[in-house]
Amino acid sequence: MKKLTLKSIAAVFVGLIATTIFSILADIVFEKSGVMKTNPFHENPVWVILVIILYRTIFSIVGAFLAARLAPHKPLKHAIALGIVGIILSVMGLIIMWDVPPRWYPISLIVLTMPSVGIGGMLAMKSKR
């Protein structure tokens, strides 16, 4: 593989890992503090689920920012690549967890993925100038 290809893969991977780690850590804090219930998830108040969607969207922006900043070229395309991976993983999660309400929660994460990675990619491009 070319060196640039490896750097591109690494940039997207770092963005994915950062997004995942931040989300898991925030979930742990929310659960340990008693704010969020993981089982059964649907017993969480709507405001808690909206906060979870908000922080996951912010973490998606941060992950895309990192992917774009680490990209050897075409930073926005790297952010979009991260978004595509995120959508694929989110759709898989939706399918696996289809019987777990509320269904609007994973659907909202899917819908917000591309706008959030777009924001992260554009912020990275502005910060490089």
C-alpha atoms as a PDB file:
ATOM      1  CA  MET A   1       0.000   0.000   0.000  1.00  0.00           C
ATOM      2  CA  LYS A   2       1.070   3.532  -0.636  1.00  0.00           C
ATOM      3  CA  LYS A   3       2.126   5.686   2.270  1.00  0.00           C
ATOM      4  CA  LEU A   4      -0.671   8.199   1.575  1.00  0.00           C
ATOM      5  CA  THR A   5      -3.269   5.421   1.586  1.00  0.00           C
ATOM      6  CA  LEU A   6      -2.074   4.216   4.966  1.00  0.00           C
ATOM      7  CA  LYS A   7      -2.167   7.775   6.324  1.00  0.00           C
ATOM      8  CA  SER A   8      -5.709   8.191   5.011  1.00  0.00           C
ATOM      9  CA  ILE A   9      -6.865   4.951   6.614  1.00  0.00           C
ATOM     10  CA  ALA A  10      -5.170   5.930   9.877  1.00  0.00           C
ATOM     11  CA  ALA A  11      -6.825   9.369   9.858  1.00  0.00           C
ATOM     12  CA  VAL A  12     -10.306   7.901   9.467  1.00  0.00           C
ATOM     13  CA  PHE A  13      -9.537   5.187  12.037  1.00  0.00           C
ATOM     14  CA  VAL A  14      -8.363   7.766  14.602  1.00  0.00           C
ATOM     15  CA  GLY A  15     -11.581   9.730  14.067  1.00  0.00           C
ATOM     16  CA  LEU A  16     -13.658   6.576  14.521  1.00  0.00           C
ATOM     17  CA  ILE A  17     -11.796   5.495  17.658  1.00  0.00           C
ATOM     18  CA  ALA A  18     -12.014   8.978  19.196  1.00  0.00           C
ATOM     19  CA  THR A  19     -15.760   9.184  18.536  1.00  0.00           C
ATOM     20  CA  THR A  20     -16.292   5.715  19.980  1.00  0.00           C
ATOM     21  CA  ILE A  21     -14.169   6.243  23.096  1.00  0.00           C
ATOM     22  CA  PHE A  22     -15.733   9.628  23.896  1.00  0.00           C
ATOM     23  CA  SER A  23     -19.231   8.168  23.466  1.00  0.00           C
ATOM     24  CA  ILE A  24     -18.510   5.140  25.648  1.00  0.00           C
ATOM     25  CA  LEU A  25     -16.915   7.270  28.379  1.00  0.00           C
ATOM     26  CA  ALA A  26     -19.842   9.697  28.397  1.00  0.00           C
ATOM     27  CA  ASP A  27     -22.281   6.768  28.536  1.00  0.00           C
ATOM     28  CA  ILE A  28     -20.387   5.316  31.503  1.00  0.00           C
ATOM     29  CA  VAL A  29     -20.453   8.650  33.334  1.00  0.00           C
ATOM     30  CA  PHE A  30     -24.184   9.061  32.647  1.00  0.00           C
ATOM     31  CA  GLU A  31     -24.927   5.518  33.765  1.00  0.00           C
ATOM     32  CA  LYS A  32     -22.743   5.589  36.900  1.00  0.00           C
ATOM     33  CA  SER A  33     -24.217   8.933  37.935  1.00  0.00           C
ATOM     34  CA  GLY A  34     -27.712   7.473  37.682  1.00  0.00           C
ATOM     35  CA  VAL A  35     -28.831   9.867  34.942  1.00  0.00           C
ATOM     36  CA  MET A  36     -29.142   7.190  32.238  1.00  0.00           C
ATOM     37  CA  LYS A  37     -30.510   3.673  32.337  1.00  0.00           C
ATOM     38  CA  THR A  38     -29.037   1.237  29.833  1.00  0.00           C
ATOM     39  CA  ASN A  39     -31.430  -1.576  30.578  1.00  0.00           C
ATOM     40  CA  PRO A  40     -34.217  -0.884  29.802  1.00  0.00           C
ATOM     41  CA  PHE A  41     -33.112   2.087  27.724  1.00  0.00           C
ATOM     42  CA  HIS A  42     -36.664   3.176  26.881  1.00  0.00           C
ATOM     43  CA  GLU A  43     -37.312   4.078  30.515  1.00  0.00           C
ATOM     44  CA  ASN A  44     -35.031   7.096  30.156  1.00  0.00           C
ATOM     45  CA  PRO A  45     -36.863  10.417  29.980  1.00  0.00           C
ATOM     46  CA  VAL A  46     -36.903  12.046  26.553  1.00  0.00           C
ATOM     47  CA  TRP A  47     -34.596  14.840  27.758  1.00  0.00           C
ATOM     48  CA  VAL A  48     -31.918  12.279  28.691  1.00  0.00           C
ATOM     49  CA  ILE A  49     -32.098  10.671  25.261  1.00  0.00           C
ATOM     50  CA  LEU A  50     -31.880  14.120  23.635  1.00  0.00           C
ATOM     51  CA  VAL A  51     -28.764  14.916  25.694  1.00  0.00           C
ATOM     52  CA  ILE A  52     -27.245  11.591  24.601  1.00  0.00           C
ATOM     53  CA  ILE A  53     -27.986  12.459  20.965  1.00  0.00           C
ATOM     54  CA  LEU A  54     -26.425  15.896  21.502  1.00  0.00           C
ATOM     55  CA  TYR A  55     -23.172  14.622  22.977  1.00  0.00           C
ATOM     56  CA  ARG A  56     -22.877  11.858  20.396  1.00  0.00           C
ATOM     57  CA  THR A  57     -23.341  14.453  17.654  1.00  0.00           C
ATOM     58  CA  ILE A  58     -20.656  16.651  19.228  1.00  0.00           C
ATOM     59  CA  PHE A  59     -18.322  13.654  19.456  1.00  0.00           C
ATOM     60  CA  SER A  60     -19.025  12.911  15.799  1.00  0.00           C
ATOM     61  CA  ILE A  61     -17.985  16.473  14.938  1.00  0.00           C
ATOM     62  CA  VAL A  62     -14.796  16.042  16.988  1.00  0.00           C
ATOM     63  CA  GLY A  63     -13.996  12.694  15.340  1.00  0.00           C
ATOM     64  CA  ALA A  64     -14.503  14.160  11.875  1.00  0.00           C
ATOM     65  CA  PHE A  65     -12.354  17.145  12.819  1.00  0.00           C
ATOM     66  CA  LEU A  66      -9.546  14.778  13.853  1.00  0.00           C
ATOM     67  CA  ALA A  67      -9.889  12.672  10.703  1.00  0.00           C
ATOM     68  CA  ALA A  68      -9.783  15.766   8.525  1.00  0.00           C
ATOM     69  CA  ARG A  69      -6.829  17.330  10.380  1.00  0.00           C
ATOM     70  CA  LEU A  70      -4.822  14.115  10.152  1.00  0.00           C
ATOM     71  CA  ALA A  71      -5.693  13.570   6.490  1.00  0.00           C
ATOM     72  CA  PRO A  72      -2.683  13.788   4.155  1.00  0.00           C
ATOM     73  CA  HIS A  73      -4.908  15.469   1.524  1.00  0.00           C
ATOM     74  CA  LYS A  74      -8.599  16.226   0.850  1.00  0.00           C
ATOM     75  CA  PRO A  75      -9.623  16.636   4.500  1.00  0.00           C
ATOM     76  CA  LEU A  76     -13.358  16.907   3.848  1.00  0.00           C
ATOM     77  CA  LYS A  77     -13.346  13.604   1.962  1.00  0.00           C
ATOM     78  CA  HIS A  78     -11.786  11.930   4.991  1.00  0.00           C
ATOM     79  CA  ALA A  79     -14.495  13.372   7.239  1.00  0.00           C
ATOM     80  CA  ILE A  80     -17.129  12.112   4.810  1.00  0.00           C
ATOM     81  CA  ALA A  81     -15.481   8.681   4.739  1.00  0.00           C
ATOM     82  CA  LEU A  82     -15.761   8.621   8.523  1.00  0.00           C
ATOM     83  CA  GLY A  83     -19.423   9.568   8.175  1.00  0.00           C
ATOM     84  CA  ILE A  84     -20.046   6.687   5.778  1.00  0.00           C
ATOM     85  CA  VAL A  85     -18.445   4.263   8.236  1.00  0.00           C
ATOM     86  CA  GLY A  86     -20.546   5.785  11.009  1.00  0.00           C
ATOM     87  CA  ILE A  87     -23.757   5.391   9.022  1.00  0.00           C
ATOM     88  CA  ILE A  88     -22.958   1.763   8.222  1.00  0.00           C
ATOM     89  CA  LEU A  89     -22.271   0.990  11.884  1.00  0.00           C
ATOM     90  CA  SER A  90     -25.367   2.905  13.024  1.00  0.00           C
ATOM     91  CA  VAL A  91     -27.610   1.103  10.543  1.00  0.00           C
ATOM     92  CA  MET A  92     -26.207  -2.211  11.765  1.00  0.00           C
ATOM     93  CA  GLY A  93     -26.971  -1.122  15.334  1.00  0.00           C
ATOM     94  CA  LEU A  94     -30.496  -0.117  14.342  1.00  0.00           C
ATOM     95  CA  ILE A  95     -31.104  -3.507  12.748  1.00  0.00           C
ATOM     96  CA  ILE A  96     -29.663  -5.420  15.702  1.00  0.00           C
ATOM     97  CA  MET A  97     -31.561  -3.342  18.264  1.00  0.00           C
ATOM     98  CA  TRP A  98     -34.801  -2.927  16.281  1.00  0.00           C
ATOM     99  CA  ASP A  99     -36.892  -4.389  19.120  1.00  0.00           C
ATOM    100  CA  VAL A 100     -35.483  -1.931  21.671  1.00  0.00           C
ATOM    101  CA  PRO A 101     -37.539   1.265  21.923  1.00  0.00           C
ATOM    102  CA  PRO A 102     -37.407   4.133  21.192  1.00  0.00           C
ATOM    103  CA  ARG A 103     -36.596   3.593  17.523  1.00  0.00           C
ATOM    104  CA  TRP A 104     -36.285   7.310  16.870  1.00  0.00           C
ATOM    105  CA  TYR A 105     -33.064   7.375  18.910  1.00  0.00           C
ATOM    106  CA  PRO A 106     -30.828   5.328  16.547  1.00  0.00           C
ATOM    107  CA  ILE A 107     -32.607   6.793  13.521  1.00  0.00           C
ATOM    108  CA  SER A 108     -31.748  10.308  14.723  1.00  0.00           C
ATOM    109  CA  LEU A 109     -28.093   9.317  15.082  1.00  0.00           C
ATOM    110  CA  ILE A 110     -28.091   8.085  11.476  1.00  0.00           C
ATOM    111  CA  VAL A 111     -29.751  11.280  10.223  1.00  0.00           C
ATOM    112  CA  LEU A 112     -27.301  13.528  12.118  1.00  0.00           C
ATOM    113  CA  THR A 113     -24.142  11.702  11.037  1.00  0.00           C
ATOM    114  CA  MET A 114     -23.459  13.421   7.716  1.00  0.00           C
ATOM    115  CA  PRO A 115     -24.245  16.970   8.908  1.00  0.00           C
ATOM    116  CA  SER A 116     -21.985  16.485  11.936  1.00  0.00           C
ATOM    117  CA  VAL A 117     -19.047  15.088   9.971  1.00  0.00           C
ATOM    118  CA  GLY A 118     -19.529  17.894   7.461  1.00  0.00           C
ATOM    119  CA  ILE A 119     -19.237  20.443  10.260  1.00  0.00           C
ATOM    120  CA  GLY A 120     -16.173  18.688  11.703  1.00  0.00           C
ATOM    121  CA  GLY A 121     -14.507  18.517   8.289  1.00  0.00           C
ATOM    122  CA  MET A 122     -15.174  22.176   7.542  1.00  0.00           C
ATOM    123  CA  LEU A 123     -13.896  23.254  10.961  1.00  0.00           C
ATOM    124  CA  ALA A 124     -10.702  21.301  10.316  1.00  0.00           C
ATOM    125  CA  MET A 125     -10.256  22.930   6.920  1.00  0.00           C
ATOM    126  CA  LYS A 126     -10.733  26.401   8.468  1.00  0.00           C
ATOM    127  CA  SER A 127      -8.234  25.645  11.224  1.00  0.00           C
ATOM    128  CA  LYS A 128      -5.574  24.622   8.672  1.00  0.00           C
ATOM    129  CA  ARG A 129      -5.711  28.041   6.967  1.00  0.00           C
END
